[in-house]
Amino acid sequence: MSRLKKWLLGLCFLLLAVALWVVFSPMPQGIPVLEYHEVAESVDEDAYVYNVPPEEFRQQLDYLQQQGYTTISMLDFMKAKRGKMELPAKPIILTFDDGYEDNYTDLLPILEEYGMKATVYVITNEIGQPGYLNWEQLRDMQDRGIEIGSHTANHDPLTGMDAARQLDEVHLSKLLLEWNGIHTVYTFSYPNGAYDASLPALLAQNEYLTAVTGDAGLNTFETDPYLMQRVNIPHPRFGLLEFKLRLLKAEVFTKLRIHQHLENPS
């Protein structure tokens, strides 16, 4: 047998061993955070991959309820982490990036139908622009149980900016929301999931309590609250099976310790 064949055979055995370990050993416990964008019947072609049509979204919520999940907000998570409230037995956080208008017209009624809550991260300079939420809608969503967070002022990746502009994007977006009647903004979503080692401290200095990345995994009270794990839920190509696989991805990435953010990693 050639050296290459031996190497390939060894690799196959290794992958099989890893797969068996993942399947048959206990899965980790933690809180999934799901990343959505739009929930609409139809969207522009360039937004197709980010949209979950309402009926398929309902199927996903049905599945979550069947599995015993209860939705919480990012603020609920931090209150529980600080011992100020108790979480339900199986919590999950639904998040929606960018602040599209269909979050009000389509998403909100569905969430209310299911008795669920969510966190919506808005790009403040898009508020009131065509296709995006306006201030009246944002305030009404908040009154109806939706947590509002910042997705910066302009949705440009923070990692490509100098420190002064990073501060503007993080600080001014928060101030603008609060000046316009949004309750204190405690949570943040990194544009494009891009972050670097300096950003958690910047967010803490500006009185944010949590921030979400695009790195799949589950969250516990040991997770760095400024680098919370989140799994993307794109337009479903394979129905509910794909959604289930996305939830499994969060568990597997946690188990294999792939891009996991712990406050005090061992």
Protein backbone atom coordinates (compact mmCIF):
# COMPACT_ATOMS: atom_id res chain seq x y z
CA MET A 1 0.00 0.00 0.00
CA SER A 2 1.39 3.41 -1.00
CA ARG A 3 2.19 6.05 1.59
CA LEU A 4 -0.65 8.27 0.26
CA LYS A 5 -3.21 5.46 0.57
CA LYS A 6 -2.09 4.75 4.12
CA TRP A 7 -2.40 8.42 4.96
CA LEU A 8 -5.90 8.64 3.48
CA LEU A 9 -6.97 5.47 5.29
CA GLY A 10 -5.68 6.83 8.57
CA LEU A 11 -7.51 10.10 7.97
CA CYS A 12 -10.75 8.21 7.28
CA PHE A 13 -10.43 6.26 10.53
CA LEU A 14 -9.75 9.48 12.43
CA LEU A 15 -12.80 11.19 10.94
CA LEU A 16 -14.93 8.15 11.71
CA ALA A 17 -13.71 8.11 15.31
CA VAL A 18 -14.53 11.82 15.69
CA ALA A 19 -17.98 11.29 14.15
CA LEU A 20 -18.75 8.41 16.50
CA TRP A 21 -17.57 10.43 19.50
CA VAL A 22 -19.81 13.35 18.50
CA VAL A 23 -22.83 11.11 17.93
CA PHE A 24 -22.60 8.83 20.96
CA SER A 25 -21.11 10.96 23.73
CA PRO A 26 -23.33 13.42 25.65
CA MET A 27 -23.95 16.73 23.96
CA PRO A 28 -22.99 19.92 25.82
CA GLN A 29 -25.62 22.03 27.57
CA GLY A 30 -26.06 25.71 26.88
CA ILE A 31 -28.22 28.45 25.41
CA PRO A 32 -28.49 28.70 21.62
CA VAL A 33 -28.63 32.16 20.07
CA LEU A 34 -30.14 32.09 16.57
CA GLU A 35 -29.24 34.71 13.97
CA TYR A 36 -31.98 35.77 11.56
CA HIS A 37 -32.44 38.79 9.32
CA GLU A 38 -35.76 38.89 7.49
CA VAL A 39 -39.08 37.06 7.75
CA ALA A 40 -41.10 37.96 4.66
CA GLU A 41 -43.08 36.34 1.86
CA SER A 42 -40.70 37.74 -0.73
CA VAL A 43 -37.56 39.89 -0.78
CA ASP A 44 -35.16 41.28 -3.34
CA GLU A 45 -32.87 38.74 -4.97
CA ASP A 46 -29.79 39.94 -3.09
CA ALA A 47 -31.62 39.40 0.24
CA TYR A 48 -32.98 35.94 -0.62
CA VAL A 49 -30.34 34.03 1.33
CA TYR A 50 -31.12 36.06 4.47
CA ASN A 51 -34.90 35.58 4.39
CA VAL A 52 -36.92 32.88 6.16
CA PRO A 53 -40.49 32.90 4.72
CA PRO A 54 -43.24 33.16 7.36
CA GLU A 55 -44.61 29.64 7.02
CA GLU A 56 -41.16 28.10 7.31
CA PHE A 57 -40.45 30.37 10.27
CA ARG A 58 -43.63 29.10 11.91
CA GLN A 59 -42.43 25.52 11.37
CA GLN A 60 -39.19 26.39 13.12
CA LEU A 61 -41.03 27.94 16.07
CA ASP A 62 -43.31 24.88 16.25
CA TYR A 63 -40.23 22.69 16.47
CA LEU A 64 -38.67 24.84 19.20
CA GLN A 65 -41.85 24.64 21.24
CA GLN A 66 -42.05 20.87 20.74
CA GLN A 67 -38.48 20.60 22.04
CA GLY A 68 -39.38 22.56 25.17
CA TYR A 69 -37.52 25.80 24.40
CA THR A 70 -38.59 29.12 25.93
CA THR A 71 -37.40 32.39 24.38
CA ILE A 72 -35.54 34.91 26.51
CA SER A 73 -33.87 38.25 25.75
CA MET A 74 -30.19 39.08 25.93
CA LEU A 75 -30.93 41.18 29.00
CA ASP A 76 -32.64 38.19 30.63
CA PHE A 77 -29.44 36.23 30.07
CA MET A 78 -27.32 38.85 31.82
CA LYS A 79 -29.78 39.24 34.70
CA ALA A 80 -29.60 35.49 35.26
CA LYS A 81 -25.80 35.52 34.98
CA ARG A 82 -25.73 38.11 37.75
CA GLY A 83 -28.16 36.16 39.90
CA LYS A 84 -31.05 38.61 39.47
CA MET A 85 -33.49 36.19 37.83
CA GLU A 86 -33.92 32.51 37.09
CA LEU A 87 -33.98 31.24 33.53
CA PRO A 88 -36.49 28.70 32.20
CA ALA A 89 -35.38 25.09 31.91
CA LYS A 90 -34.50 25.32 28.22
CA PRO A 91 -33.86 28.93 27.14
CA ILE A 92 -33.15 30.12 23.60
CA ILE A 93 -32.55 33.60 22.17
CA LEU A 94 -33.90 34.70 18.77
CA THR A 95 -32.02 37.62 17.22
CA PHE A 96 -32.67 39.60 14.04
CA ASP A 97 -30.00 41.78 12.45
CA ASP A 98 -30.25 45.06 10.52
CA GLY A 99 -33.75 46.26 11.44
CA TYR A 100 -35.83 45.48 8.36
CA GLU A 101 -39.42 46.70 8.19
CA ASP A 102 -40.75 43.14 7.84
CA ASN A 103 -39.56 42.57 11.41
CA TYR A 104 -42.56 44.72 12.35
CA THR A 105 -45.10 43.83 9.67
CA ASP A 106 -44.45 40.06 9.43
CA LEU A 107 -42.21 38.88 12.25
CA LEU A 108 -43.80 40.61 15.25
CA PRO A 109 -47.33 39.20 14.72
CA ILE A 110 -45.90 35.67 14.42
CA LEU A 111 -43.90 36.03 17.62
CA GLU A 112 -46.99 37.29 19.43
CA GLU A 113 -48.98 34.38 18.02
CA TYR A 114 -46.49 32.00 19.64
CA GLY A 115 -45.98 34.03 22.81
CA MET A 116 -42.27 34.43 22.06
CA LYS A 117 -39.81 37.28 22.42
CA ALA A 118 -36.77 38.35 20.38
CA THR A 119 -33.91 40.83 20.15
CA VAL A 120 -33.68 43.10 17.09
CA TYR A 121 -30.36 44.78 16.24
CA VAL A 122 -30.80 47.95 14.19
CA ILE A 123 -28.47 49.98 12.00
CA THR A 124 -29.32 53.43 13.31
CA ASN A 125 -28.59 55.41 10.13
CA GLU A 126 -31.01 53.15 8.23
CA ILE A 127 -33.93 53.84 10.58
CA GLY A 128 -36.78 55.36 8.56
CA GLN A 129 -35.19 54.50 5.21
CA PRO A 130 -37.19 52.47 2.64
CA GLY A 131 -37.40 48.83 3.72
CA TYR A 132 -36.22 49.52 7.28
CA LEU A 133 -38.01 50.09 10.58
CA ASN A 134 -38.99 53.61 11.53
CA TRP A 135 -38.94 55.12 15.01
CA GLU A 136 -42.65 54.64 15.67
CA GLN A 137 -42.39 50.95 14.74
CA LEU A 138 -39.33 50.48 16.93
CA ARG A 139 -41.01 52.04 19.95
CA ASP A 140 -44.13 49.94 19.40
CA MET A 141 -42.06 46.75 19.07
CA GLN A 142 -40.34 47.59 22.33
CA ASP A 143 -43.69 48.16 24.04
CA ARG A 144 -44.76 44.72 22.79
CA GLY A 145 -41.79 42.90 24.32
CA ILE A 146 -39.03 43.10 21.71
CA GLU A 147 -35.56 44.01 22.94
CA ILE A 148 -33.76 46.58 20.77
CA GLY A 149 -29.98 46.46 20.32
CA SER A 150 -27.35 48.29 18.28
CA HIS A 151 -25.86 47.06 15.02
CA THR A 152 -23.72 50.23 14.74
CA ALA A 153 -24.59 53.43 12.89
CA ASN A 154 -23.57 52.36 9.38
CA HIS A 155 -23.06 48.57 9.38
CA ASP A 156 -19.40 48.79 8.40
CA PRO A 157 -17.06 46.14 9.89
CA LEU A 158 -15.46 47.62 12.98
CA THR A 159 -12.21 45.76 12.42
CA GLY A 160 -11.33 48.00 9.45
CA MET A 161 -11.64 51.27 11.37
CA ASP A 162 -9.39 53.41 13.50
CA ALA A 163 -10.20 53.72 17.20
CA ALA A 164 -12.00 57.06 16.87
CA ARG A 165 -14.41 55.80 14.25
CA GLN A 166 -15.01 52.56 16.16
CA LEU A 167 -16.01 54.66 19.15
CA ASP A 168 -18.40 56.73 17.03
CA GLU A 169 -20.11 53.66 15.59
CA VAL A 170 -20.53 52.02 19.00
CA HIS A 171 -21.32 55.09 21.11
CA LEU A 172 -23.40 57.28 18.82
CA SER A 173 -25.65 54.46 17.64
CA LYS A 174 -26.51 53.72 21.28
CA LEU A 175 -27.16 57.37 22.10
CA LEU A 176 -29.38 57.88 19.05
CA LEU A 177 -31.56 54.92 19.99
CA GLU A 178 -31.91 56.05 23.60
CA TRP A 179 -32.56 59.70 22.66
CA ASN A 180 -35.47 58.51 20.51
CA GLY A 181 -37.31 56.61 23.21
CA ILE A 182 -35.61 53.21 23.15
CA HIS A 183 -34.92 51.79 26.60
CA THR A 184 -31.27 51.64 27.64
CA VAL A 185 -29.45 49.69 24.92
CA TYR A 186 -27.48 46.90 26.52
CA THR A 187 -26.72 44.58 23.62
CA PHE A 188 -24.71 44.82 20.40
CA SER A 189 -24.24 42.84 17.20
CA TYR A 190 -20.90 43.01 15.34
CA PRO A 191 -21.46 43.91 11.66
CA ASN A 192 -20.58 40.89 9.50
CA GLY A 193 -19.62 39.14 12.74
CA ALA A 194 -16.22 40.87 12.57
CA TYR A 195 -14.48 41.63 15.87
CA ASP A 196 -10.99 41.91 17.31
CA ALA A 197 -9.43 41.74 20.76
CA SER A 198 -9.97 45.44 21.49
CA LEU A 199 -13.73 45.57 20.93
CA PRO A 200 -15.05 43.86 24.09
CA ALA A 201 -13.38 46.51 26.25
CA LEU A 202 -14.75 49.30 24.03
CA LEU A 203 -18.27 47.92 24.39
CA ALA A 204 -17.91 47.58 28.16
CA GLN A 205 -16.71 51.19 28.40
CA ASN A 206 -19.86 52.27 26.56
CA GLU A 207 -22.09 50.35 28.98
CA TYR A 208 -23.10 47.48 26.76
CA LEU A 209 -23.54 44.21 28.60
CA THR A 210 -23.51 41.69 25.74
CA ALA A 211 -22.44 41.36 22.11
CA VAL A 212 -23.05 38.59 19.59
CA THR A 213 -20.61 37.16 17.07
CA GLY A 214 -21.20 34.91 14.07
CA ASP A 215 -19.34 31.99 15.67
CA ALA A 216 -21.56 28.95 16.17
CA GLY A 217 -21.89 27.39 19.60
CA LEU A 218 -23.86 27.35 22.83
CA ASN A 219 -23.68 29.94 25.59
CA THR A 220 -23.32 29.46 29.34
CA PHE A 221 -22.50 31.83 32.18
CA GLU A 222 -18.84 31.04 31.42
CA THR A 223 -19.15 32.45 27.88
CA ASP A 224 -17.56 35.86 27.36
CA PRO A 225 -20.68 38.10 27.23
CA TYR A 226 -19.02 40.35 24.63
CA LEU A 227 -18.28 37.39 22.33
CA MET A 228 -21.44 35.35 22.55
CA GLN A 229 -21.85 32.37 20.25
CA ARG A 230 -24.54 32.56 17.58
CA VAL A 231 -25.65 30.24 14.79
CA ASN A 232 -26.92 31.67 11.50
CA ILE A 233 -30.34 30.63 10.19
CA PRO A 234 -30.40 31.37 6.43
CA HIS A 235 -33.13 30.82 3.84
CA PRO A 236 -34.02 27.13 4.28
CA ARG A 237 -33.13 25.05 1.23
CA PHE A 238 -33.99 21.70 2.82
CA GLY A 239 -36.92 22.64 5.05
CA LEU A 240 -36.99 21.84 8.74
CA LEU A 241 -34.14 19.33 8.43
CA GLU A 242 -31.72 22.14 7.70
CA PHE A 243 -32.95 24.04 10.77
CA LYS A 244 -32.37 20.99 12.95
CA LEU A 245 -28.86 20.64 11.51
CA ARG A 246 -28.14 24.28 12.33
CA LEU A 247 -29.08 23.65 15.96
CA LEU A 248 -26.90 20.56 15.92
CA LYS A 249 -24.03 22.65 14.51
CA ALA A 250 -24.12 24.85 17.64
CA GLU A 251 -23.83 21.75 19.83
CA VAL A 252 -21.05 20.17 17.76
CA PHE A 253 -18.97 23.37 17.60
CA THR A 254 -19.25 23.69 21.38
CA LYS A 255 -18.31 20.08 21.89
CA LEU A 256 -15.28 20.32 19.58
CA ARG A 257 -14.34 23.74 21.04
CA ILE A 258 -14.29 25.41 17.63
CA HIS A 259 -14.12 29.21 18.03
CA GLN A 260 -15.61 29.09 21.53
CA HIS A 261 -15.26 32.21 23.65
CA LEU A 262 -14.89 31.57 27.36
CA GLU A 263 -14.10 34.24 29.93
CA ASN A 264 -11.49 32.05 31.62
CA PRO A 265 -10.54 29.31 29.12
CA SER A 266 -8.74 26.35 30.68
